[in-house]
Amino acid sequence: MYEEILLPTDGSESMDTVVDHAADVAGRRDATVHVLYVVDDRSFLTLQDGMQTDVEDELRAEGESATASVADRLDDAGVTVRTAIRKGDPGDEILAYAEASGIDLVVMGTHGDDYQQTMLGSVSQKVVTMADVPVLTVGIDD
């Protein structure tokens, strides 16, 4: 049923529980986990051109570190892993990656009822609402 699982990460330590859930599901089904980091370009669109490049490079390096760390944990658990980094709106990029890669299940963290996340919009809410595949959300704390 689940052969290709997508695990979006933001690189935070609070992702540990989400990684554990993805590893459990993948391990039980011999599935591949795709670890995705999205460089959120909305956060630096108003910066000067030279600064945009510096910020993007810094965020891309953060993404490489984040995906490598999660991939190492999954690999240690015996799970087949693929990693990817994209740039854009995180919700849109997660949905596009899921469609393009034949993802069967998305496993992602959510901040639940945090009023700031609700007021500002939530990536997990967008994915849950718009994904064509099941989405397993795991509550995380900052």
N, C-alpha and C. Protein backbone atom coordinates (compact mmCIF):
# COMPACT_ATOMS: atom_id res chain seq x y z
N MET A 1 0.82 -1.19 0.00
CA MET A 1 0.00 0.00 0.00
C MET A 1 0.86 1.26 0.00
N TYR A 2 1.85 1.32 0.88
CA TYR A 2 2.75 2.47 0.92
C TYR A 2 4.14 2.02 0.50
N GLU A 3 4.54 2.45 -0.69
CA GLU A 3 5.87 2.10 -1.21
C GLU A 3 6.79 3.31 -1.27
N GLU A 4 6.22 4.48 -1.44
CA GLU A 4 6.98 5.72 -1.55
C GLU A 4 6.41 6.72 -0.53
N ILE A 5 7.21 7.05 0.47
CA ILE A 5 6.77 7.92 1.56
C ILE A 5 7.56 9.23 1.49
N LEU A 6 6.86 10.34 1.60
CA LEU A 6 7.51 11.65 1.60
C LEU A 6 7.58 12.18 3.01
N LEU A 7 8.78 12.58 3.41
CA LEU A 7 9.02 13.18 4.72
C LEU A 7 9.63 14.56 4.53
N PRO A 8 8.81 15.62 4.53
CA PRO A 8 9.36 16.97 4.47
C PRO A 8 10.01 17.31 5.81
N THR A 9 11.15 17.99 5.77
CA THR A 9 11.81 18.38 7.01
C THR A 9 12.21 19.85 6.97
N ASP A 10 12.18 20.46 8.14
CA ASP A 10 12.67 21.84 8.25
C ASP A 10 14.01 21.88 8.97
N GLY A 11 14.52 20.72 9.34
CA GLY A 11 15.83 20.65 9.97
C GLY A 11 15.83 20.82 11.47
N SER A 12 14.67 21.06 12.07
CA SER A 12 14.63 21.28 13.51
C SER A 12 14.72 19.96 14.28
N GLU A 13 15.18 20.06 15.52
CA GLU A 13 15.27 18.87 16.37
C GLU A 13 13.90 18.30 16.68
N SER A 14 12.87 19.12 16.61
CA SER A 14 11.52 18.66 16.90
C SER A 14 11.04 17.64 15.86
N MET A 15 11.79 17.47 14.78
CA MET A 15 11.43 16.51 13.73
C MET A 15 11.72 15.06 14.13
N ASP A 16 12.42 14.85 15.25
CA ASP A 16 12.80 13.49 15.64
C ASP A 16 11.61 12.54 15.70
N THR A 17 10.52 12.96 16.29
CA THR A 17 9.33 12.12 16.41
C THR A 17 8.75 11.81 15.03
N VAL A 18 8.77 12.79 14.15
CA VAL A 18 8.25 12.59 12.79
C VAL A 18 9.10 11.56 12.06
N VAL A 19 10.41 11.66 12.19
CA VAL A 19 11.32 10.70 11.56
C VAL A 19 11.06 9.31 12.10
N ASP A 20 10.84 9.19 13.41
CA ASP A 20 10.54 7.88 14.01
C ASP A 20 9.28 7.27 13.40
N HIS A 21 8.24 8.07 13.21
CA HIS A 21 7.00 7.57 12.60
C HIS A 21 7.23 7.12 11.16
N ALA A 22 7.94 7.93 10.40
CA ALA A 22 8.22 7.58 9.00
C ALA A 22 9.04 6.30 8.92
N ALA A 23 10.02 6.16 9.80
CA ALA A 23 10.86 4.96 9.81
C ALA A 23 10.04 3.73 10.15
N ASP A 24 9.12 3.87 11.09
CA ASP A 24 8.27 2.74 11.49
C ASP A 24 7.39 2.29 10.33
N VAL A 25 6.72 3.24 9.70
CA VAL A 25 5.84 2.90 8.58
C VAL A 25 6.65 2.29 7.43
N ALA A 26 7.75 2.92 7.09
CA ALA A 26 8.58 2.43 5.97
C ALA A 26 9.17 1.06 6.28
N GLY A 27 9.63 0.87 7.50
CA GLY A 27 10.24 -0.41 7.88
C GLY A 27 9.25 -1.56 7.80
N ARG A 28 8.03 -1.32 8.17
CA ARG A 28 6.99 -2.36 8.14
C ARG A 28 6.56 -2.71 6.72
N ARG A 29 6.80 -1.80 5.79
CA ARG A 29 6.32 -1.99 4.42
C ARG A 29 7.43 -2.04 3.39
N ASP A 30 8.67 -2.03 3.84
CA ASP A 30 9.82 -2.04 2.93
C ASP A 30 9.70 -0.90 1.91
N ALA A 31 9.33 0.26 2.41
CA ALA A 31 9.10 1.42 1.55
C ALA A 31 10.34 2.31 1.50
N THR A 32 10.38 3.14 0.48
CA THR A 32 11.42 4.17 0.34
C THR A 32 10.90 5.46 0.93
N VAL A 33 11.75 6.15 1.70
CA VAL A 33 11.38 7.45 2.24
C VAL A 33 12.14 8.53 1.48
N HIS A 34 11.40 9.48 0.97
CA HIS A 34 11.95 10.65 0.28
C HIS A 34 12.01 11.78 1.30
N VAL A 35 13.19 12.25 1.62
CA VAL A 35 13.36 13.34 2.56
C VAL A 35 13.51 14.63 1.76
N LEU A 36 12.61 15.56 2.00
CA LEU A 36 12.56 16.80 1.22
C LEU A 36 12.72 18.02 2.11
N TYR A 37 13.59 18.92 1.69
CA TYR A 37 13.75 20.22 2.34
C TYR A 37 13.42 21.27 1.30
N VAL A 38 12.60 22.23 1.68
CA VAL A 38 12.23 23.30 0.75
C VAL A 38 12.83 24.62 1.24
N VAL A 39 13.63 25.23 0.40
CA VAL A 39 14.15 26.57 0.67
C VAL A 39 12.99 27.52 0.41
N ASP A 40 12.47 28.10 1.48
CA ASP A 40 11.30 28.98 1.39
C ASP A 40 11.73 30.34 0.86
N ASP A 41 11.58 30.54 -0.44
CA ASP A 41 12.05 31.79 -1.04
C ASP A 41 11.14 32.98 -0.75
N ARG A 42 10.01 32.74 -0.14
CA ARG A 42 9.13 33.86 0.21
C ARG A 42 9.75 34.73 1.29
N SER A 43 10.64 34.15 2.08
CA SER A 43 11.20 34.87 3.21
C SER A 43 12.27 35.89 2.83
N PHE A 44 12.75 35.84 1.59
CA PHE A 44 13.80 36.79 1.23
C PHE A 44 13.58 37.48 -0.11
N LEU A 45 12.36 37.48 -0.59
CA LEU A 45 12.07 38.11 -1.88
C LEU A 45 12.28 39.63 -1.87
N THR A 46 12.17 40.24 -0.70
CA THR A 46 12.32 41.69 -0.63
C THR A 46 13.76 42.14 -0.41
N LEU A 47 14.67 41.21 -0.25
CA LEU A 47 16.08 41.56 -0.06
C LEU A 47 16.70 42.00 -1.38
N GLN A 48 17.79 42.73 -1.28
CA GLN A 48 18.53 43.13 -2.47
C GLN A 48 19.09 41.87 -3.13
N ASP A 49 19.31 41.94 -4.45
CA ASP A 49 19.75 40.77 -5.21
C ASP A 49 20.96 40.07 -4.62
N GLY A 50 22.00 40.81 -4.26
CA GLY A 50 23.20 40.20 -3.70
C GLY A 50 22.92 39.47 -2.40
N MET A 51 22.04 40.04 -1.60
CA MET A 51 21.69 39.41 -0.33
C MET A 51 20.83 38.17 -0.56
N GLN A 52 19.97 38.18 -1.56
CA GLN A 52 19.13 37.02 -1.85
C GLN A 52 19.97 35.79 -2.11
N THR A 53 21.03 35.97 -2.89
CA THR A 53 21.91 34.85 -3.22
C THR A 53 22.57 34.30 -1.97
N ASP A 54 23.05 35.20 -1.10
CA ASP A 54 23.69 34.76 0.14
C ASP A 54 22.72 34.00 1.04
N VAL A 55 21.52 34.52 1.18
CA VAL A 55 20.51 33.88 2.03
C VAL A 55 20.11 32.53 1.43
N GLU A 56 19.91 32.50 0.13
CA GLU A 56 19.54 31.23 -0.51
C GLU A 56 20.64 30.19 -0.34
N ASP A 57 21.89 30.60 -0.50
CA ASP A 57 23.01 29.67 -0.32
C ASP A 57 23.05 29.14 1.11
N GLU A 58 22.81 30.02 2.07
CA GLU A 58 22.80 29.61 3.47
C GLU A 58 21.67 28.63 3.75
N LEU A 59 20.49 28.92 3.23
CA LEU A 59 19.34 28.03 3.44
C LEU A 59 19.53 26.69 2.72
N ARG A 60 20.14 26.71 1.55
CA ARG A 60 20.41 25.47 0.83
C ARG A 60 21.39 24.60 1.63
N ALA A 61 22.41 25.22 2.21
CA ALA A 61 23.36 24.48 3.04
C ALA A 61 22.66 23.89 4.26
N GLU A 62 21.76 24.67 4.85
CA GLU A 62 20.97 24.17 5.97
C GLU A 62 20.13 22.97 5.53
N GLY A 63 19.57 23.06 4.34
CA GLY A 63 18.77 21.95 3.81
C GLY A 63 19.59 20.71 3.55
N GLU A 64 20.79 20.88 3.05
CA GLU A 64 21.66 19.73 2.81
C GLU A 64 22.02 19.04 4.12
N SER A 65 22.28 19.83 5.14
CA SER A 65 22.58 19.28 6.46
C SER A 65 21.36 18.57 7.04
N ALA A 66 20.20 19.19 6.92
CA ALA A 66 18.96 18.62 7.46
C ALA A 66 18.60 17.31 6.78
N THR A 67 18.66 17.28 5.45
CA THR A 67 18.29 16.04 4.74
C THR A 67 19.31 14.94 5.01
N ALA A 68 20.59 15.30 5.10
CA ALA A 68 21.62 14.30 5.38
C ALA A 68 21.43 13.70 6.77
N SER A 69 21.10 14.53 7.74
CA SER A 69 20.89 14.05 9.11
C SER A 69 19.72 13.08 9.18
N VAL A 70 18.61 13.44 8.56
CA VAL A 70 17.43 12.56 8.55
C VAL A 70 17.74 11.28 7.77
N ALA A 71 18.42 11.42 6.64
CA ALA A 71 18.76 10.25 5.83
C ALA A 71 19.64 9.28 6.62
N ASP A 72 20.59 9.81 7.39
CA ASP A 72 21.45 8.95 8.21
C ASP A 72 20.63 8.16 9.23
N ARG A 73 19.69 8.84 9.88
CA ARG A 73 18.83 8.15 10.86
C ARG A 73 18.00 7.06 10.21
N LEU A 74 17.44 7.36 9.05
CA LEU A 74 16.62 6.37 8.35
C LEU A 74 17.47 5.21 7.85
N ASP A 75 18.64 5.53 7.35
CA ASP A 75 19.56 4.50 6.87
C ASP A 75 19.96 3.57 8.03
N ASP A 76 20.22 4.14 9.19
CA ASP A 76 20.55 3.34 10.38
C ASP A 76 19.41 2.41 10.76
N ALA A 77 18.17 2.82 10.43
CA ALA A 77 16.99 2.00 10.73
C ALA A 77 16.72 0.99 9.61
N GLY A 78 17.58 0.96 8.59
CA GLY A 78 17.43 0.00 7.51
C GLY A 78 16.44 0.41 6.43
N VAL A 79 16.14 1.71 6.36
CA VAL A 79 15.17 2.22 5.40
C VAL A 79 15.89 2.79 4.19
N THR A 80 15.38 2.50 2.99
CA THR A 80 15.92 3.08 1.77
C THR A 80 15.50 4.55 1.71
N VAL A 81 16.47 5.42 1.38
CA VAL A 81 16.23 6.86 1.45
C VAL A 81 16.64 7.55 0.15
N ARG A 82 15.88 8.56 -0.21
CA ARG A 82 16.25 9.50 -1.27
C ARG A 82 16.11 10.90 -0.67
N THR A 83 16.97 11.81 -1.07
CA THR A 83 16.88 13.17 -0.57
C THR A 83 16.71 14.15 -1.73
N ALA A 84 16.08 15.27 -1.42
CA ALA A 84 15.88 16.31 -2.43
C ALA A 84 15.77 17.66 -1.74
N ILE A 85 16.19 18.69 -2.46
CA ILE A 85 16.03 20.06 -2.01
C ILE A 85 15.36 20.83 -3.14
N ARG A 86 14.33 21.57 -2.78
CA ARG A 86 13.63 22.40 -3.75
C ARG A 86 13.54 23.82 -3.22
N LYS A 87 13.18 24.73 -4.09
CA LYS A 87 13.03 26.14 -3.70
C LYS A 87 11.65 26.62 -4.11
N GLY A 88 11.00 27.35 -3.20
CA GLY A 88 9.69 27.90 -3.49
C GLY A 88 8.83 27.94 -2.25
N ASP A 89 7.53 27.97 -2.45
CA ASP A 89 6.56 27.92 -1.36
C ASP A 89 6.53 26.48 -0.84
N PRO A 90 6.81 26.26 0.45
CA PRO A 90 6.92 24.89 0.96
C PRO A 90 5.69 24.02 0.68
N GLY A 91 4.51 24.52 0.92
CA GLY A 91 3.31 23.72 0.66
C GLY A 91 3.20 23.32 -0.80
N ASP A 92 3.40 24.26 -1.69
CA ASP A 92 3.32 23.98 -3.12
C ASP A 92 4.38 22.98 -3.55
N GLU A 93 5.59 23.15 -3.04
CA GLU A 93 6.69 22.26 -3.44
C GLU A 93 6.50 20.85 -2.90
N ILE A 94 5.97 20.72 -1.69
CA ILE A 94 5.69 19.39 -1.13
C ILE A 94 4.65 18.69 -1.99
N LEU A 95 3.59 19.39 -2.32
CA LEU A 95 2.52 18.80 -3.15
C LEU A 95 3.04 18.42 -4.53
N ALA A 96 3.84 19.29 -5.15
CA ALA A 96 4.38 19.02 -6.49
C ALA A 96 5.33 17.82 -6.45
N TYR A 97 6.17 17.76 -5.43
CA TYR A 97 7.10 16.63 -5.31
C TYR A 97 6.33 15.33 -5.12
N ALA A 98 5.30 15.36 -4.29
CA ALA A 98 4.50 14.16 -4.04
C ALA A 98 3.89 13.64 -5.34
N GLU A 99 3.36 14.54 -6.13
CA GLU A 99 2.74 14.14 -7.40
C GLU A 99 3.78 13.62 -8.39
N ALA A 100 4.87 14.34 -8.53
CA ALA A 100 5.90 13.98 -9.51
C ALA A 100 6.63 12.69 -9.16
N SER A 101 6.69 12.36 -7.89
CA SER A 101 7.48 11.21 -7.44
C SER A 101 6.65 9.98 -7.11
N GLY A 102 5.36 10.04 -7.36
CA GLY A 102 4.51 8.88 -7.10
C GLY A 102 4.43 8.54 -5.62
N ILE A 103 4.36 9.55 -4.78
CA ILE A 103 4.30 9.35 -3.33
C ILE A 103 2.94 8.77 -2.95
N ASP A 104 2.98 7.77 -2.03
CA ASP A 104 1.76 7.11 -1.54
C ASP A 104 1.29 7.68 -0.20
N LEU A 105 2.23 8.25 0.57
CA LEU A 105 1.93 8.75 1.91
C LEU A 105 2.90 9.88 2.24
N VAL A 106 2.37 10.93 2.85
CA VAL A 106 3.19 12.03 3.34
C VAL A 106 3.17 11.94 4.86
N VAL A 107 4.36 11.98 5.47
CA VAL A 107 4.47 11.99 6.93
C VAL A 107 5.14 13.30 7.30
N MET A 108 4.43 14.15 8.04
CA MET A 108 4.99 15.47 8.33
C MET A 108 4.57 15.96 9.70
N GLY A 109 5.38 16.88 10.22
CA GLY A 109 5.09 17.46 11.51
C GLY A 109 4.07 18.57 11.40
N THR A 110 3.39 18.81 12.53
CA THR A 110 2.45 19.90 12.61
C THR A 110 2.54 20.52 13.99
N HIS A 111 2.31 21.81 14.03
CA HIS A 111 2.33 22.53 15.30
C HIS A 111 0.94 22.54 15.94
N GLY A 112 0.00 21.80 15.36
CA GLY A 112 -1.32 21.67 15.96
C GLY A 112 -2.08 22.96 16.03
N ASP A 113 -2.51 23.31 17.24
CA ASP A 113 -3.39 24.46 17.39
C ASP A 113 -2.65 25.73 17.81
N ASP A 114 -1.38 25.81 17.51
CA ASP A 114 -0.60 27.01 17.81
C ASP A 114 -1.25 28.18 17.06
N TYR A 115 -1.75 29.15 17.81
CA TYR A 115 -2.50 30.24 17.18
C TYR A 115 -1.67 31.02 16.17
N GLN A 116 -0.37 31.15 16.39
CA GLN A 116 0.45 31.88 15.43
C GLN A 116 0.53 31.13 14.11
N GLN A 117 0.68 29.82 14.18
CA GLN A 117 0.73 29.03 12.95
C GLN A 117 -0.60 29.11 12.22
N THR A 118 -1.71 29.07 12.97
CA THR A 118 -3.03 29.13 12.36
C THR A 118 -3.25 30.49 11.68
N MET A 119 -2.85 31.56 12.36
CA MET A 119 -3.05 32.89 11.80
C MET A 119 -2.17 33.13 10.57
N LEU A 120 -0.95 32.62 10.60
CA LEU A 120 -0.02 32.87 9.51
C LEU A 120 -0.17 31.88 8.36
N GLY A 121 -0.92 30.83 8.56
CA GLY A 121 -1.04 29.80 7.55
C GLY A 121 -0.13 28.66 7.90
N SER A 122 -0.53 27.47 7.57
CA SER A 122 0.21 26.30 7.97
C SER A 122 0.53 25.44 6.75
N VAL A 123 1.79 25.08 6.63
CA VAL A 123 2.20 24.20 5.53
C VAL A 123 1.48 22.87 5.64
N SER A 124 1.46 22.30 6.85
CA SER A 124 0.81 20.99 7.01
C SER A 124 -0.68 21.07 6.70
N GLN A 125 -1.31 22.17 7.08
CA GLN A 125 -2.73 22.32 6.79
C GLN A 125 -2.96 22.35 5.27
N LYS A 126 -2.11 23.05 4.56
CA LYS A 126 -2.24 23.13 3.11
C LYS A 126 -2.06 21.75 2.48
N VAL A 127 -1.06 21.01 2.95
CA VAL A 127 -0.79 19.68 2.39
C VAL A 127 -1.94 18.73 2.71
N VAL A 128 -2.41 18.75 3.95
CA VAL A 128 -3.54 17.88 4.33
C VAL A 128 -4.76 18.18 3.46
N THR A 129 -5.02 19.44 3.25
CA THR A 129 -6.20 19.86 2.50
C THR A 129 -6.11 19.55 1.01
N MET A 130 -4.91 19.66 0.44
CA MET A 130 -4.78 19.59 -1.01
C MET A 130 -4.13 18.32 -1.56
N ALA A 131 -3.54 17.50 -0.71
CA ALA A 131 -2.85 16.30 -1.19
C ALA A 131 -3.83 15.27 -1.73
N ASP A 132 -3.38 14.57 -2.76
CA ASP A 132 -4.17 13.49 -3.35
C ASP A 132 -3.89 12.15 -2.68
N VAL A 133 -3.00 12.16 -1.69
CA VAL A 133 -2.64 10.92 -0.97
C VAL A 133 -2.83 11.16 0.52
N PRO A 134 -2.87 10.08 1.30
CA PRO A 134 -2.99 10.25 2.76
C PRO A 134 -1.82 11.02 3.34
N VAL A 135 -2.11 11.79 4.39
CA VAL A 135 -1.09 12.56 5.09
C VAL A 135 -1.18 12.21 6.57
N LEU A 136 -0.07 11.70 7.09
CA LEU A 136 0.04 11.41 8.52
C LEU A 136 0.72 12.60 9.16
N THR A 137 0.00 13.29 10.04
CA THR A 137 0.60 14.43 10.73
C THR A 137 0.98 14.01 12.14
N VAL A 138 2.14 14.47 12.55
CA VAL A 138 2.68 14.14 13.86
C VAL A 138 2.90 15.45 14.60
N GLY A 139 2.31 15.57 15.77
CA GLY A 139 2.46 16.79 16.56
C GLY A 139 3.89 16.97 17.00
N ILE A 140 4.40 18.19 16.84
CA ILE A 140 5.76 18.49 17.27
C ILE A 140 5.75 19.71 18.16
N ASP A 141 6.75 19.78 19.02
CA ASP A 141 6.94 20.93 19.91
C ASP A 141 8.21 21.64 19.51
N ASP A 142 8.23 22.95 19.66
CA ASP A 142 9.44 23.72 19.39
C ASP A 142 10.33 23.74 20.60
